[in-house]
C-alpha atoms as a PDB file:
ATOM      1  CA  MET A   1       8.647   7.398 -34.941  1.00  0.00           C
ATOM      2  CA  LYS A   2       5.988  10.177 -35.982  1.00  0.00           C
ATOM      3  CA  ILE A   3       4.666  12.202 -33.406  1.00  0.00           C
ATOM      4  CA  ILE A   4       1.883  14.342 -34.735  1.00  0.00           C
ATOM      5  CA  ILE A   5      -0.014  17.190 -32.854  1.00  0.00           C
ATOM      6  CA  ARG A   6      -4.038  17.541 -33.891  1.00  0.00           C
ATOM      7  CA  HIS A   7      -5.914  20.976 -32.106  1.00  0.00           C
ATOM      8  CA  ARG A   8      -9.664  19.148 -31.725  1.00  0.00           C
ATOM      9  CA  TYR A   9     -12.120  20.605 -29.266  1.00  0.00           C
ATOM     10  CA  ILE A  10     -14.444  17.878 -27.262  1.00  0.00           C
ATOM     11  CA  LYS A  11     -17.746  19.002 -26.101  1.00  0.00           C
ATOM     12  CA  LYS A  12     -15.954  22.726 -26.654  1.00  0.00           C
ATOM     13  CA  ILE A  13     -12.643  21.914 -24.644  1.00  0.00           C
ATOM     14  CA  PRO A  14     -10.076  22.853 -26.013  1.00  0.00           C
ATOM     15  CA  VAL A  15      -7.312  20.271 -26.321  1.00  0.00           C
ATOM     16  CA  LEU A  16      -4.122  19.212 -28.022  1.00  0.00           C
ATOM     17  CA  GLU A  17      -4.063  15.422 -28.790  1.00  0.00           C
ATOM     18  CA  VAL A  18      -0.588  14.265 -29.066  1.00  0.00           C
ATOM     19  CA  VAL A  19      -0.003  10.710 -30.460  1.00  0.00           C
ATOM     20  CA  SER A  20       2.354   8.429 -32.996  1.00  0.00           C
ATOM     21  CA  GLU A  21       0.889   9.037 -36.006  1.00  0.00           C
ATOM     22  CA  GLU A  22       0.889   5.092 -36.793  1.00  0.00           C
ATOM     23  CA  ASN A  23      -1.048   5.013 -33.842  1.00  0.00           C
ATOM     24  CA  LYS A  24      -3.461   7.485 -33.867  1.00  0.00           C
ATOM     25  CA  ASN A  25      -6.691   5.317 -34.823  1.00  0.00           C
ATOM     26  CA  SER A  26      -5.588   2.574 -32.680  1.00  0.00           C
ATOM     27  CA  MET A  27      -6.323   1.684 -29.160  1.00  0.00           C
ATOM     28  CA  LEU A  28      -4.085   3.236 -26.865  1.00  0.00           C
ATOM     29  CA  PRO A  29      -3.157   4.322 -23.113  1.00  0.00           C
ATOM     30  CA  LEU A  30      -4.594   7.188 -22.143  1.00  0.00           C
ATOM     31  CA  VAL A  31      -2.663  10.136 -20.200  1.00  0.00           C
ATOM     32  CA  ILE A  32      -4.670  13.801 -19.795  1.00  0.00           C
ATOM     33  CA  TYR A  33      -2.092  16.228 -19.129  1.00  0.00           C
ATOM     34  CA  TYR A  34      -2.192  19.663 -17.260  1.00  0.00           C
ATOM     35  CA  HIS A  35      -0.754  22.524 -17.599  1.00  0.00           C
ATOM     36  CA  GLY A  36       0.053  24.832 -14.794  1.00  0.00           C
ATOM     37  CA  TRP A  37      -1.263  28.647 -13.529  1.00  0.00           C
ATOM     38  CA  GLN A  38      -1.507  30.989 -16.035  1.00  0.00           C
ATOM     39  CA  SER A  39      -0.009  28.728 -18.475  1.00  0.00           C
ATOM     40  CA  ALA A  40      -1.362  26.972 -21.845  1.00  0.00           C
ATOM     41  CA  LYS A  41      -1.379  23.702 -23.327  1.00  0.00           C
ATOM     42  CA  GLU A  42       1.105  24.241 -26.084  1.00  0.00           C
ATOM     43  CA  LEU A  43       3.992  24.413 -22.948  1.00  0.00           C
ATOM     44  CA  SER A  44       3.053  21.566 -22.126  1.00  0.00           C
ATOM     45  CA  LEU A  45       4.026  19.908 -25.541  1.00  0.00           C
ATOM     46  CA  THR A  46       7.941  18.785 -24.860  1.00  0.00           C
ATOM     47  CA  GLN A  47       5.881  16.135 -22.087  1.00  0.00           C
ATOM     48  CA  ALA A  48       3.275  14.820 -24.238  1.00  0.00           C
ATOM     49  CA  ARG A  49       5.788  14.077 -26.710  1.00  0.00           C
ATOM     50  CA  LYS A  50       7.781  11.899 -24.924  1.00  0.00           C
ATOM     51  CA  LEU A  51       5.096  10.384 -23.049  1.00  0.00           C
ATOM     52  CA  ALA A  52       3.862   9.736 -27.183  1.00  0.00           C
ATOM     53  CA  LYS A  53       6.850   8.274 -28.443  1.00  0.00           C
ATOM     54  CA  LYS A  54       6.330   5.327 -25.335  1.00  0.00           C
ATOM     55  CA  GLY A  55       3.275   4.541 -27.214  1.00  0.00           C
ATOM     56  CA  ILE A  56       0.371   6.721 -24.648  1.00  0.00           C
ATOM     57  CA  ARG A  57      -2.109   8.784 -26.198  1.00  0.00           C
ATOM     58  CA  VAL A  58      -1.714  12.508 -24.398  1.00  0.00           C
ATOM     59  CA  ILE A  59      -4.193  14.874 -24.221  1.00  0.00           C
ATOM     60  CA  LEU A  60      -3.834  18.337 -23.136  1.00  0.00           C
ATOM     61  CA  PRO A  61      -6.297  20.499 -22.516  1.00  0.00           C
ATOM     62  CA  ASP A  62      -6.689  24.408 -21.707  1.00  0.00           C
ATOM     63  CA  ALA A  63      -7.829  24.713 -18.226  1.00  0.00           C
ATOM     64  CA  MET A  64     -10.702  27.554 -18.175  1.00  0.00           C
ATOM     65  CA  ASN A  65      -9.663  30.655 -17.875  1.00  0.00           C
ATOM     66  CA  HIS A  66      -6.438  29.818 -19.984  1.00  0.00           C
ATOM     67  CA  GLY A  67      -5.148  29.750 -23.172  1.00  0.00           C
ATOM     68  CA  GLU A  68      -7.877  29.672 -25.797  1.00  0.00           C
ATOM     69  CA  ARG A  69     -10.438  30.345 -22.619  1.00  0.00           C
ATOM     70  CA  LYS A  70      -8.664  33.404 -21.561  1.00  0.00           C
ATOM     71  CA  THR A  71     -11.526  36.051 -21.583  1.00  0.00           C
ATOM     72  CA  GLY A  72     -10.710  38.652 -19.223  1.00  0.00           C
ATOM     73  CA  PRO A  73      -8.087  39.173 -16.667  1.00  0.00           C
ATOM     74  CA  ILE A  74      -8.184  37.093 -12.897  1.00  0.00           C
ATOM     75  CA  SER A  75     -10.454  37.868 -10.174  1.00  0.00           C
ATOM     76  CA  PRO A  76      -8.532  40.555  -8.211  1.00  0.00           C
ATOM     77  CA  ILE A  77      -9.920  38.437  -5.067  1.00  0.00           C
ATOM     78  CA  PRO A  78      -6.628  36.046  -4.629  1.00  0.00           C
ATOM     79  CA  SER A  79      -6.940  32.049  -5.669  1.00  0.00           C
ATOM     80  CA  VAL A  80     -10.972  32.698  -6.865  1.00  0.00           C
ATOM     81  CA  THR A  81      -9.871  32.414 -10.772  1.00  0.00           C
ATOM     82  CA  PHE A  82      -7.289  29.518  -9.645  1.00  0.00           C
ATOM     83  CA  TRP A  83      -9.737  27.528  -7.815  1.00  0.00           C
ATOM     84  CA  SER A  84     -12.311  28.231 -10.349  1.00  0.00           C
ATOM     85  CA  SER A  85     -10.057  26.674 -13.089  1.00  0.00           C
ATOM     86  CA  ILE A  86      -9.117  23.853 -11.235  1.00  0.00           C
ATOM     87  CA  GLN A  87     -12.555  22.867 -10.602  1.00  0.00           C
ATOM     88  CA  TYR A  88     -13.609  23.442 -14.239  1.00  0.00           C
ATOM     89  CA  ASN A  89     -10.802  20.647 -15.112  1.00  0.00           C
ATOM     90  CA  VAL A  90     -11.990  18.636 -12.113  1.00  0.00           C
ATOM     91  CA  ILE A  91     -15.924  18.636 -13.817  1.00  0.00           C
ATOM     92  CA  GLU A  92     -14.527  18.169 -17.323  1.00  0.00           C
ATOM     93  CA  PHE A  93     -12.533  15.505 -17.214  1.00  0.00           C
ATOM     94  CA  ALA A  94     -15.051  12.496 -16.754  1.00  0.00           C
ATOM     95  CA  GLN A  95     -16.649  14.736 -20.048  1.00  0.00           C
ATOM     96  CA  LEU A  96     -12.492  13.888 -21.965  1.00  0.00           C
ATOM     97  CA  VAL A  97     -12.613  10.232 -20.986  1.00  0.00           C
ATOM     98  CA  ARG A  98     -16.031   9.464 -22.182  1.00  0.00           C
ATOM     99  CA  HIS A  99     -14.922  10.837 -25.399  1.00  0.00           C
ATOM    100  CA  PHE A 100     -12.307   8.339 -25.919  1.00  0.00           C
ATOM    101  CA  GLU A 101     -14.276   5.232 -24.910  1.00  0.00           C
ATOM    102  CA  LYS A 102     -16.711   5.947 -27.032  1.00  0.00           C
ATOM    103  CA  GLN A 103     -14.504   6.198 -29.795  1.00  0.00           C
ATOM    104  CA  GLU A 104     -12.712   2.622 -28.434  1.00  0.00           C
ATOM    105  CA  LEU A 105      -9.575   4.214 -28.110  1.00  0.00           C
ATOM    106  CA  ILE A 106      -8.870   3.189 -24.619  1.00  0.00           C
ATOM    107  CA  GLU A 107      -6.712   0.391 -23.958  1.00  0.00           C
ATOM    108  CA  ASP A 108      -8.151  -1.940 -21.704  1.00  0.00           C
ATOM    109  CA  GLY A 109      -9.195   0.606 -19.643  1.00  0.00           C
ATOM    110  CA  LYS A 110      -5.285   2.311 -19.028  1.00  0.00           C
ATOM    111  CA  ILE A 111      -6.496   5.477 -18.064  1.00  0.00           C
ATOM    112  CA  GLY A 112      -3.188   8.277 -16.353  1.00  0.00           C
ATOM    113  CA  VAL A 113      -3.588  11.682 -15.318  1.00  0.00           C
ATOM    114  CA  GLY A 114      -0.649  14.230 -14.784  1.00  0.00           C
ATOM    115  CA  GLY A 115       0.124  17.798 -14.132  1.00  0.00           C
ATOM    116  CA  VAL A 116       2.320  20.530 -13.340  1.00  0.00           C
ATOM    117  CA  SER A 117       1.954  22.638 -10.744  1.00  0.00           C
ATOM    118  CA  MET A 118      -2.180  23.523 -10.736  1.00  0.00           C
ATOM    119  CA  GLY A 119      -2.351  20.579 -13.114  1.00  0.00           C
ATOM    120  CA  GLY A 120      -0.817  18.584 -10.054  1.00  0.00           C
ATOM    121  CA  ILE A 121      -3.112  19.848  -7.837  1.00  0.00           C
ATOM    122  CA  THR A 122      -5.356  18.812 -10.177  1.00  0.00           C
ATOM    123  CA  THR A 123      -3.563  15.393 -10.849  1.00  0.00           C
ATOM    124  CA  CYS A 124      -4.115  14.768  -6.593  1.00  0.00           C
ATOM    125  CA  ALA A 125      -7.947  15.845  -6.503  1.00  0.00           C
ATOM    126  CA  LEU A 126      -8.982  13.864  -9.338  1.00  0.00           C
ATOM    127  CA  LEU A 127      -7.357  10.633  -7.765  1.00  0.00           C
ATOM    128  CA  THR A 128      -9.882  11.441  -5.000  1.00  0.00           C
ATOM    129  CA  GLN A 129     -12.621  10.796  -6.772  1.00  0.00           C
ATOM    130  CA  HIS A 130     -11.916   8.351  -9.895  1.00  0.00           C
ATOM    131  CA  PRO A 131     -10.768   4.715  -9.634  1.00  0.00           C
ATOM    132  CA  GLU A 132     -10.867   4.693 -13.167  1.00  0.00           C
ATOM    133  CA  ILE A 133      -7.284   6.077 -13.146  1.00  0.00           C
ATOM    134  CA  LYS A 134      -4.752   3.805 -13.103  1.00  0.00           C
ATOM    135  CA  THR A 135      -1.883   5.817 -12.208  1.00  0.00           C
ATOM    136  CA  ALA A 136      -0.708   9.328 -11.865  1.00  0.00           C
ATOM    137  CA  ALA A 137       2.096  11.717 -12.082  1.00  0.00           C
ATOM    138  CA  CYS A 138       1.933  15.258  -9.347  1.00  0.00           C
ATOM    139  CA  MET A 139       4.947  17.619 -10.582  1.00  0.00           C
ATOM    140  CA  MET A 140       5.229  20.426  -8.274  1.00  0.00           C
ATOM    141  CA  GLY A 141       1.338  19.968  -7.073  1.00  0.00           C
ATOM    142  CA  THR A 142       0.368  19.367  -3.893  1.00  0.00           C
ATOM    143  CA  PRO A 143      -1.630  16.941  -2.343  1.00  0.00           C
ATOM    144  CA  ALA A 144      -3.338  19.896   0.415  1.00  0.00           C
ATOM    145  CA  PRO A 145      -5.292  21.949  -1.000  1.00  0.00           C
ATOM    146  CA  GLN A 146      -7.022  22.791   2.235  1.00  0.00           C
ATOM    147  CA  LYS A 147      -3.777  23.681   3.794  1.00  0.00           C
ATOM    148  CA  TYR A 148      -2.283  25.953   0.423  1.00  0.00           C
ATOM    149  CA  ILE A 149      -5.806  27.845   0.666  1.00  0.00           C
ATOM    150  CA  GLU A 150      -5.396  28.958   4.672  1.00  0.00           C
ATOM    151  CA  ARG A 151      -2.064  29.634   3.753  1.00  0.00           C
ATOM    152  CA  VAL A 152      -3.111  32.070   0.971  1.00  0.00           C
ATOM    153  CA  MET A 153      -5.802  33.488   2.597  1.00  0.00           C
ATOM    154  CA  GLU A 154      -3.667  34.516   5.929  1.00  0.00           C
ATOM    155  CA  ARG A 155      -1.362  35.910   3.365  1.00  0.00           C
ATOM    156  CA  ALA A 156      -3.904  37.803   1.864  1.00  0.00           C
ATOM    157  CA  SER A 157      -4.988  39.268   5.244  1.00  0.00           C
ATOM    158  CA  GLU A 158      -0.957  39.909   5.904  1.00  0.00           C
ATOM    159  CA  MET A 159      -0.949  42.431   2.620  1.00  0.00           C
ATOM    160  CA  GLU A 160      -4.224  44.037   2.974  1.00  0.00           C
ATOM    161  CA  PHE A 161      -6.155  42.262  -0.230  1.00  0.00           C
ATOM    162  CA  PHE A 162      -9.610  42.372   0.047  1.00  0.00           C
ATOM    163  CA  VAL A 163     -10.819  38.882   0.662  1.00  0.00           C
ATOM    164  CA  PRO A 164     -14.682  37.628   1.103  1.00  0.00           C
ATOM    165  CA  LYS A 165     -15.648  36.184   4.677  1.00  0.00           C
ATOM    166  CA  ASP A 166     -17.291  33.263   3.374  1.00  0.00           C
ATOM    167  CA  LEU A 167     -14.819  32.796   0.736  1.00  0.00           C
ATOM    168  CA  PRO A 168     -13.799  29.397   2.777  1.00  0.00           C
ATOM    169  CA  LEU A 169     -17.616  29.070   2.411  1.00  0.00           C
ATOM    170  CA  LEU A 170     -17.327  29.183  -1.541  1.00  0.00           C
ATOM    171  CA  LEU A 171     -14.132  27.057  -2.131  1.00  0.00           C
ATOM    172  CA  SER A 172     -15.536  23.892   0.220  1.00  0.00           C
ATOM    173  CA  TRP A 173     -15.901  21.955  -2.654  1.00  0.00           C
ATOM    174  CA  VAL A 174     -11.918  21.606  -2.431  1.00  0.00           C
ATOM    175  CA  ALA A 175     -12.525  19.239   0.893  1.00  0.00           C
ATOM    176  CA  ASN A 176     -14.152  16.418  -1.153  1.00  0.00           C
ATOM    177  CA  TYR A 177     -11.203  16.459  -3.540  1.00  0.00           C
ATOM    178  CA  ASP A 178      -8.411  16.915  -0.980  1.00  0.00           C
ATOM    179  CA  LEU A 179      -5.845  13.674  -0.853  1.00  0.00           C
ATOM    180  CA  SER A 180      -4.209  14.255   2.354  1.00  0.00           C
ATOM    181  CA  MET A 181      -7.660  14.270   4.400  1.00  0.00           C
ATOM    182  CA  ALA A 182      -8.623  10.938   1.793  1.00  0.00           C
ATOM    183  CA  PRO A 183      -5.285   9.333   1.667  1.00  0.00           C
ATOM    184  CA  GLU A 184      -5.969   5.553   1.295  1.00  0.00           C
ATOM    185  CA  THR A 185      -7.934   6.631  -2.221  1.00  0.00           C
ATOM    186  CA  LEU A 186      -4.465   5.841  -3.715  1.00  0.00           C
ATOM    187  CA  ALA A 187      -5.690   2.191  -3.184  1.00  0.00           C
ATOM    188  CA  GLU A 188      -2.187   1.147  -3.944  1.00  0.00           C
ATOM    189  CA  ARG A 189      -2.326   3.296  -7.392  1.00  0.00           C
ATOM    190  CA  PRO A 190       1.466   3.830  -9.097  1.00  0.00           C
ATOM    191  CA  VAL A 191       1.211   7.937  -8.322  1.00  0.00           C
ATOM    192  CA  LEU A 192       4.740   9.634  -8.760  1.00  0.00           C
ATOM    193  CA  PHE A 193       5.105  12.845  -6.683  1.00  0.00           C
ATOM    194  CA  TRP A 194       8.069  15.285  -7.409  1.00  0.00           C
ATOM    195  CA  HIS A 195       8.783  19.239  -5.688  1.00  0.00           C
ATOM    196  CA  GLY A 196      12.238  21.036  -5.923  1.00  0.00           C
ATOM    197  CA  THR A 197      12.903  21.780  -2.750  1.00  0.00           C
ATOM    198  CA  LYS A 198      13.263  25.861  -3.186  1.00  0.00           C
ATOM    199  CA  ASP A 199      10.012  26.181  -4.830  1.00  0.00           C
ATOM    200  CA  PRO A 200       9.109  29.593  -4.017  1.00  0.00           C
ATOM    201  CA  LYS A 201       5.209  28.626  -4.903  1.00  0.00           C
ATOM    202  CA  ILE A 202       4.052  25.829  -3.674  1.00  0.00           C
ATOM    203  CA  PRO A 203       5.919  24.610  -0.393  1.00  0.00           C
ATOM    204  CA  TYR A 204       7.937  21.614  -0.878  1.00  0.00           C
ATOM    205  CA  GLU A 205       6.753  20.579   2.921  1.00  0.00           C
ATOM    206  CA  ASP A 206       3.208  19.763   1.959  1.00  0.00           C
ATOM    207  CA  VAL A 207       4.222  17.398  -0.283  1.00  0.00           C
ATOM    208  CA  ALA A 208       7.204  15.772   2.124  1.00  0.00           C
ATOM    209  CA  ASP A 209       5.365  16.272   5.122  1.00  0.00           C
ATOM    210  CA  PHE A 210       2.289  14.370   2.854  1.00  0.00           C
ATOM    211  CA  TYR A 211       4.587  11.886   1.889  1.00  0.00           C
ATOM    212  CA  GLN A 212       5.811  10.930   5.311  1.00  0.00           C
ATOM    213  CA  MET A 213       2.500  10.266   6.639  1.00  0.00           C
ATOM    214  CA  ILE A 214       1.476   8.016   3.947  1.00  0.00           C
ATOM    215  CA  GLU A 215       4.598   5.973   2.946  1.00  0.00           C
ATOM    216  CA  ASP A 216       4.341   2.841   5.253  1.00  0.00           C
ATOM    217  CA  LYS A 217       0.809   2.946   4.416  1.00  0.00           C
ATOM    218  CA  PRO A 218      -0.548  -0.409   2.297  1.00  0.00           C
ATOM    219  CA  TYR A 219      -2.332   1.874  -0.153  1.00  0.00           C
ATOM    220  CA  ALA A 220       0.335   3.766  -0.572  1.00  0.00           C
ATOM    221  CA  LYS A 221       2.474   0.973  -1.099  1.00  0.00           C
ATOM    222  CA  GLU A 222       2.902   2.027  -4.836  1.00  0.00           C
ATOM    223  CA  SER A 223       3.670   5.608  -4.558  1.00  0.00           C
ATOM    224  CA  LYS A 224       7.074   7.395  -5.289  1.00  0.00           C
ATOM    225  CA  PHE A 225       7.990  10.541  -3.749  1.00  0.00           C
ATOM    226  CA  MET A 226      11.581  11.931  -5.532  1.00  0.00           C
ATOM    227  CA  THR A 227      12.941  14.991  -4.343  1.00  0.00           C
ATOM    228  CA  GLY A 228      14.919  18.280  -6.616  1.00  0.00           C
ATOM    229  CA  GLU A 229      17.365  19.480  -4.474  1.00  0.00           C
ATOM    230  CA  GLY A 230      17.641  23.244  -4.708  1.00  0.00           C
ATOM    231  CA  GLU A 231      14.834  23.192  -7.331  1.00  0.00           C
ATOM    232  CA  GLY A 232      12.715  25.662  -7.834  1.00  0.00           C
ATOM    233  CA  HIS A 233       9.434  25.566  -9.881  1.00  0.00           C
ATOM    234  CA  LEU A 234      10.209  24.517 -12.649  1.00  0.00           C
ATOM    235  CA  VAL A 235      10.018  20.866 -14.434  1.00  0.00           C
ATOM    236  CA  LYS A 236      13.748  20.010 -16.451  1.00  0.00           C
ATOM    237  CA  GLY A 237      13.750  18.357 -19.832  1.00  0.00           C
ATOM    238  CA  GLU A 238      15.021  15.364 -17.301  1.00  0.00           C
ATOM    239  CA  MET A 239      12.752  14.958 -15.137  1.00  0.00           C
ATOM    240  CA  MET A 240      10.003  15.018 -17.868  1.00  0.00           C
ATOM    241  CA  ASP A 241      12.434  11.902 -19.116  1.00  0.00           C
ATOM    242  CA  VAL A 242      11.662   9.740 -15.889  1.00  0.00           C
ATOM    243  CA  VAL A 243       7.685  10.937 -15.443  1.00  0.00           C
ATOM    244  CA  ALA A 244       7.604   9.573 -19.629  1.00  0.00           C
ATOM    245  CA  VAL A 245       9.575   6.242 -18.420  1.00  0.00           C
ATOM    246  CA  PHE A 246       7.132   5.595 -14.998  1.00  0.00           C
ATOM    247  CA  PHE A 247       3.613   6.186 -17.149  1.00  0.00           C
ATOM    248  CA  GLU A 248       5.522   3.416 -19.642  1.00  0.00           C
ATOM    249  CA  LYS A 249       6.213   1.031 -16.291  1.00  0.00           C
ATOM    250  CA  GLU A 250       2.924   1.497 -15.050  1.00  0.00           C
ATOM    251  CA  LEU A 251       0.768   2.182 -18.076  1.00  0.00           C
ATOM    252  CA  THR A 252       1.526   0.559 -20.879  1.00  0.00           C
END
């Protein structure tokens, strides 16, 4: 199977479309996969190829302030650029899906999302508001973004970084996309969570605590949490294979 990579702009959003050449114009399951902080779409290509080999059309967007959309330095105010990038991901998701719906390239409404780190946070946020998503994979992200914001603000204060007093208000939109505050929106959808126990950037405990809270609930019966013992903030090739098999099972 030959996998092709097509660079495109969808409503000015730069993306890579990764798909088998023989099925490039066929209706296929669609997965939108989001990269991490200060990364770019090209760095998700290994995962995308593995997914494409399972008969999936994969779209890798550049987040705002990243890759082709990087326009300058990040804000000196902690986390502002980070959350702005996630907000754009969330806003633009429906635009990307609509494009492929209009092209009649999505097979039977089979839409999946996934991502690493910042992309994992994006994935969890989308699950709260988009019931059309059939399955998802959050790798090294957090389903508790409000807690993450609080932690960043505490750390910024300790290190004497300037933080506007109204930063929580400026980021108040995040509460509506906090999966830990609305876990019932999982709605029995297959969702895979993976996190390393030694992750220095996004605490393992945030995901582990969330899963412990939901694991016995009916709405989470299709959710799965995998622990990377001793793993840091990196998804290795073996785990990418697991993600590919997961989407193959749940979406194709």
